[in-house]
C-alpha atoms as a PDB file:
ATOM      1  CA  UNK A   1       0.000   0.000   0.000  1.00  0.00           C
ATOM      2  CA  UNK A   2       1.487   3.301  -1.105  1.00  0.00           C
ATOM      3  CA  UNK A   3       1.138   6.758   0.395  1.00  0.00           C
ATOM      4  CA  UNK A   4      -1.788   7.601  -1.917  1.00  0.00           C
ATOM      5  CA  UNK A   5      -3.817   4.696  -0.491  1.00  0.00           C
ATOM      6  CA  UNK A   6      -2.803   5.300   3.117  1.00  0.00           C
ATOM      7  CA  UNK A   7      -5.288   6.037   5.889  1.00  0.00           C
ATOM      8  CA  UNK A   8      -2.590   8.154   7.523  1.00  0.00           C
ATOM      9  CA  UNK A   9      -2.550  10.386   4.436  1.00  0.00           C
ATOM     10  CA  UNK A  10      -6.309  10.839   4.688  1.00  0.00           C
ATOM     11  CA  UNK A  11      -6.073  11.794   8.373  1.00  0.00           C
ATOM     12  CA  UNK A  12      -3.138  14.179   7.983  1.00  0.00           C
ATOM     13  CA  UNK A  13      -4.440  15.890   4.838  1.00  0.00           C
ATOM     14  CA  UNK A  14      -8.094  16.256   5.965  1.00  0.00           C
ATOM     15  CA  UNK A  15      -9.366  14.326   2.958  1.00  0.00           C
ATOM     16  CA  UNK A  16     -12.185  11.873   2.350  1.00  0.00           C
ATOM     17  CA  UNK A  17     -11.273   8.342   3.478  1.00  0.00           C
ATOM     18  CA  UNK A  18     -12.938   6.853   0.402  1.00  0.00           C
ATOM     19  CA  UNK A  19     -11.414   8.867  -2.464  1.00  0.00           C
ATOM     20  CA  UNK A  20      -8.680  10.966  -0.750  1.00  0.00           C
ATOM     21  CA  UNK A  21      -9.761  14.001  -2.811  1.00  0.00           C
ATOM     22  CA  UNK A  22     -12.620  15.887  -1.118  1.00  0.00           C
ATOM     23  CA  UNK A  23     -12.199  17.732   2.167  1.00  0.00           C
ATOM     24  CA  UNK A  24     -13.876  16.559   5.391  1.00  0.00           C
ATOM     25  CA  UNK A  25     -13.745  19.830   7.345  1.00  0.00           C
ATOM     26  CA  UNK A  26     -14.996  23.037   5.732  1.00  0.00           C
ATOM     27  CA  UNK A  27     -12.285  25.367   7.026  1.00  0.00           C
ATOM     28  CA  UNK A  28      -8.539  24.762   7.120  1.00  0.00           C
ATOM     29  CA  UNK A  29      -7.999  26.788  10.266  1.00  0.00           C
ATOM     30  CA  UNK A  30      -8.025  24.988  13.595  1.00  0.00           C
ATOM     31  CA  UNK A  31      -7.608  28.071  15.736  1.00  0.00           C
ATOM     32  CA  UNK A  32     -10.883  29.786  14.837  1.00  0.00           C
ATOM     33  CA  UNK A  33     -13.108  28.443  17.606  1.00  0.00           C
ATOM     34  CA  UNK A  34     -16.302  29.155  15.661  1.00  0.00           C
ATOM     35  CA  UNK A  35     -15.275  27.238  12.549  1.00  0.00           C
ATOM     36  CA  UNK A  36     -12.814  24.477  13.476  1.00  0.00           C
ATOM     37  CA  UNK A  37     -15.531  21.826  13.992  1.00  0.00           C
ATOM     38  CA  UNK A  38     -17.619  22.486  10.852  1.00  0.00           C
ATOM     39  CA  UNK A  39     -17.740  19.426   8.590  1.00  0.00           C
ATOM     40  CA  UNK A  40     -19.238  18.694   5.212  1.00  0.00           C
ATOM     41  CA  UNK A  41     -22.067  16.175   5.269  1.00  0.00           C
ATOM     42  CA  UNK A  42     -20.761  14.395   2.153  1.00  0.00           C
ATOM     43  CA  UNK A  43     -17.598  14.317   0.085  1.00  0.00           C
ATOM     44  CA  UNK A  44     -17.755  16.768  -2.819  1.00  0.00           C
ATOM     45  CA  UNK A  45     -15.875  14.336  -5.083  1.00  0.00           C
ATOM     46  CA  UNK A  46     -17.288  10.854  -4.397  1.00  0.00           C
ATOM     47  CA  UNK A  47     -20.454  11.574  -2.383  1.00  0.00           C
ATOM     48  CA  UNK A  48     -19.333   9.505   0.630  1.00  0.00           C
ATOM     49  CA  UNK A  49     -21.472  10.310   3.682  1.00  0.00           C
ATOM     50  CA  UNK A  50     -19.160  11.075   6.611  1.00  0.00           C
ATOM     51  CA  UNK A  51     -21.565  10.533   9.507  1.00  0.00           C
ATOM     52  CA  UNK A  52     -22.661   6.942   8.898  1.00  0.00           C
ATOM     53  CA  UNK A  53     -25.351   6.958  11.582  1.00  0.00           C
ATOM     54  CA  UNK A  54     -26.697   9.159  14.340  1.00  0.00           C
ATOM     55  CA  UNK A  55     -24.070   9.794  17.037  1.00  0.00           C
ATOM     56  CA  UNK A  56     -21.368   8.125  14.904  1.00  0.00           C
ATOM     57  CA  UNK A  57     -18.689  10.511  16.133  1.00  0.00           C
ATOM     58  CA  UNK A  58     -19.144   9.704  19.816  1.00  0.00           C
ATOM     59  CA  UNK A  59     -16.590   6.968  19.225  1.00  0.00           C
ATOM     60  CA  UNK A  60     -14.149   9.587  17.945  1.00  0.00           C
ATOM     61  CA  UNK A  61     -13.700  10.653  21.553  1.00  0.00           C
ATOM     62  CA  UNK A  62     -11.620   7.504  22.100  1.00  0.00           C
ATOM     63  CA  UNK A  63      -9.275   8.400  19.264  1.00  0.00           C
ATOM     64  CA  UNK A  64      -9.116  11.991  20.501  1.00  0.00           C
ATOM     65  CA  UNK A  65      -8.347  10.749  24.015  1.00  0.00           C
ATOM     66  CA  UNK A  66      -5.393   8.735  22.695  1.00  0.00           C
ATOM     67  CA  UNK A  67      -4.070  11.782  20.853  1.00  0.00           C
ATOM     68  CA  UNK A  68      -4.470  13.888  23.999  1.00  0.00           C
ATOM     69  CA  UNK A  69      -2.531  11.348  26.075  1.00  0.00           C
ATOM     70  CA  UNK A  70       0.276  11.335  23.479  1.00  0.00           C
ATOM     71  CA  UNK A  71       0.429  15.149  23.540  1.00  0.00           C
ATOM     72  CA  UNK A  72       0.486  15.121  27.359  1.00  0.00           C
ATOM     73  CA  UNK A  73       3.339  12.593  27.519  1.00  0.00           C
ATOM     74  CA  UNK A  74       5.341  14.525  24.917  1.00  0.00           C
ATOM     75  CA  UNK A  75       4.820  17.760  26.867  1.00  0.00           C
ATOM     76  CA  UNK A  76       5.866  16.063  30.108  1.00  0.00           C
ATOM     77  CA  UNK A  77       9.074  14.717  28.520  1.00  0.00           C
ATOM     78  CA  UNK A  78       9.924  18.085  26.936  1.00  0.00           C
ATOM     79  CA  UNK A  79       9.305  19.884  30.230  1.00  0.00           C
ATOM     80  CA  UNK A  80      11.558  17.396  32.004  1.00  0.00           C
ATOM     81  CA  UNK A  81      14.328  17.783  29.412  1.00  0.00           C
ATOM     82  CA  UNK A  82      14.189  21.581  29.570  1.00  0.00           C
ATOM     83  CA  UNK A  83      13.753  22.184  33.324  1.00  0.00           C
ATOM     84  CA  UNK A  84      14.820  18.803  34.854  1.00  0.00           C
ATOM     85  CA  UNK A  85      14.491  19.644  38.557  1.00  0.00           C
ATOM     86  CA  UNK A  86      11.193  21.445  38.802  1.00  0.00           C
ATOM     87  CA  UNK A  87       8.085  21.098  40.969  1.00  0.00           C
ATOM     88  CA  UNK A  88       5.107  19.059  39.718  1.00  0.00           C
ATOM     89  CA  UNK A  89       2.872  22.105  39.308  1.00  0.00           C
ATOM     90  CA  UNK A  90       5.141  23.328  36.473  1.00  0.00           C
ATOM     91  CA  UNK A  91       4.503  20.065  34.622  1.00  0.00           C
ATOM     92  CA  UNK A  92       0.772  20.377  35.198  1.00  0.00           C
ATOM     93  CA  UNK A  93       0.624  24.005  34.024  1.00  0.00           C
ATOM     94  CA  UNK A  94       2.662  23.231  30.889  1.00  0.00           C
ATOM     95  CA  UNK A  95       0.514  20.216  30.021  1.00  0.00           C
ATOM     96  CA  UNK A  96      -2.689  22.198  30.609  1.00  0.00           C
ATOM     97  CA  UNK A  97      -1.560  25.068  28.378  1.00  0.00           C
ATOM     98  CA  UNK A  98      -0.460  22.742  25.560  1.00  0.00           C
ATOM     99  CA  UNK A  99      -3.696  20.725  25.741  1.00  0.00           C
ATOM    100  CA  UNK A 100      -5.825  23.863  25.554  1.00  0.00           C
ATOM    101  CA  UNK A 101      -3.856  25.076  22.531  1.00  0.00           C
ATOM    102  CA  UNK A 102      -4.047  21.716  20.736  1.00  0.00           C
ATOM    103  CA  UNK A 103      -7.649  20.775  21.657  1.00  0.00           C
ATOM    104  CA  UNK A 104      -9.038  21.708  18.202  1.00  0.00           C
ATOM    105  CA  UNK A 105      -6.294  19.672  16.511  1.00  0.00           C
ATOM    106  CA  UNK A 106      -7.032  16.689  18.758  1.00  0.00           C
ATOM    107  CA  UNK A 107     -10.743  17.027  17.954  1.00  0.00           C
ATOM    108  CA  UNK A 108     -10.143  17.008  14.202  1.00  0.00           C
ATOM    109  CA  UNK A 109      -7.567  14.232  14.177  1.00  0.00           C
ATOM    110  CA  UNK A 110      -9.820  12.108  16.382  1.00  0.00           C
ATOM    111  CA  UNK A 111     -12.739  12.453  13.968  1.00  0.00           C
ATOM    112  CA  UNK A 112     -10.598  11.852  10.906  1.00  0.00           C
ATOM    113  CA  UNK A 113      -9.033   8.765  12.488  1.00  0.00           C
ATOM    114  CA  UNK A 114     -12.474   7.455  13.491  1.00  0.00           C
ATOM    115  CA  UNK A 115     -13.873   7.867   9.971  1.00  0.00           C
ATOM    116  CA  UNK A 116     -10.829   6.099   8.525  1.00  0.00           C
ATOM    117  CA  UNK A 117     -11.252   3.115  10.841  1.00  0.00           C
ATOM    118  CA  UNK A 118     -14.619   2.360   9.244  1.00  0.00           C
ATOM    119  CA  UNK A 119     -14.003   3.419   5.630  1.00  0.00           C
ATOM    120  CA  UNK A 120     -11.334   2.094   3.304  1.00  0.00           C
ATOM    121  CA  UNK A 121      -9.766   3.729   0.287  1.00  0.00           C
ATOM    122  CA  UNK A 122     -11.505   3.014  -3.020  1.00  0.00           C
ATOM    123  CA  UNK A 123      -9.584   4.239  -6.085  1.00  0.00           C
ATOM    124  CA  UNK A 124     -12.767   4.029  -8.176  1.00  0.00           C
ATOM    125  CA  UNK A 125     -15.027   5.879  -5.703  1.00  0.00           C
ATOM    126  CA  UNK A 126     -15.269   9.013  -7.850  1.00  0.00           C
ATOM    127  CA  UNK A 127     -16.109   7.008 -10.990  1.00  0.00           C
ATOM    128  CA  UNK A 128     -18.811   5.072  -9.132  1.00  0.00           C
ATOM    129  CA  UNK A 129     -20.309   8.306  -7.810  1.00  0.00           C
ATOM    130  CA  UNK A 130     -20.356   9.859 -11.292  1.00  0.00           C
ATOM    131  CA  UNK A 131     -22.050   6.759 -12.727  1.00  0.00           C
ATOM    132  CA  UNK A 132     -24.696   6.811  -9.996  1.00  0.00           C
ATOM    133  CA  UNK A 133     -25.442  10.494 -10.501  1.00  0.00           C
ATOM    134  CA  UNK A 134     -25.636  10.022 -14.283  1.00  0.00           C
ATOM    135  CA  UNK A 135     -28.025   7.083 -13.908  1.00  0.00           C
ATOM    136  CA  UNK A 136     -30.248   8.920 -11.454  1.00  0.00           C
ATOM    137  CA  UNK A 137     -30.382  12.067 -13.605  1.00  0.00           C
ATOM    138  CA  UNK A 138     -31.329  10.136 -16.755  1.00  0.00           C
ATOM    139  CA  UNK A 139     -34.007   8.040 -15.069  1.00  0.00           C
ATOM    140  CA  UNK A 140     -37.453   9.433 -15.817  1.00  0.00           C
ATOM    141  CA  UNK A 141     -39.680   9.471 -12.758  1.00  0.00           C
ATOM    142  CA  UNK A 142     -42.997   7.762 -13.311  1.00  0.00           C
ATOM    143  CA  UNK A 143     -46.124   9.643 -12.502  1.00  0.00           C
ATOM    144  CA  UNK A 144     -49.020   7.997 -10.708  1.00  0.00           C
ATOM    145  CA  UNK A 145     -51.048   7.443 -13.902  1.00  0.00           C
ATOM    146  CA  UNK A 146     -48.241   5.528 -15.615  1.00  0.00           C
ATOM    147  CA  UNK A 147     -47.820   3.303 -12.561  1.00  0.00           C
ATOM    148  CA  UNK A 148     -51.555   2.476 -12.466  1.00  0.00           C
ATOM    149  CA  UNK A 149     -51.643   1.688 -16.209  1.00  0.00           C
ATOM    150  CA  UNK A 150     -48.647  -0.642 -15.882  1.00  0.00           C
ATOM    151  CA  UNK A 151     -50.299  -2.549 -13.037  1.00  0.00           C
ATOM    152  CA  UNK A 152     -53.431  -3.220 -15.098  1.00  0.00           C
END
């Protein structure tokens, strides 16, 4: 599996897990607290629906928790390497500040990781979506009279 098919690529580049082309989040900024959590409902390229069912992203909290723990451990180690002999409250303050700063990033990465757990890469996803939209646009809807005549 190459980089183009990688789930890691999809998570790090904020792209659709199915086609790796369309964006998942509407805005690229993570530090605008009014916009960082806004997501598209579907992929603009392949039509993949991001929220598979109601409350699907509750599970993303587990992925976000893991990311938060990793950030906390990294902050602890960096604080230790920089200050070495320091009281525990310095560690706690540093970890708290870093976690507040990186909370939007943890939120996004958690959701992207969660989506990628349940959706695999499909190199033909865009083609399939285009075929489905072409078929549905060319299909002529039947009116009620035509349906009744066919039944008789």
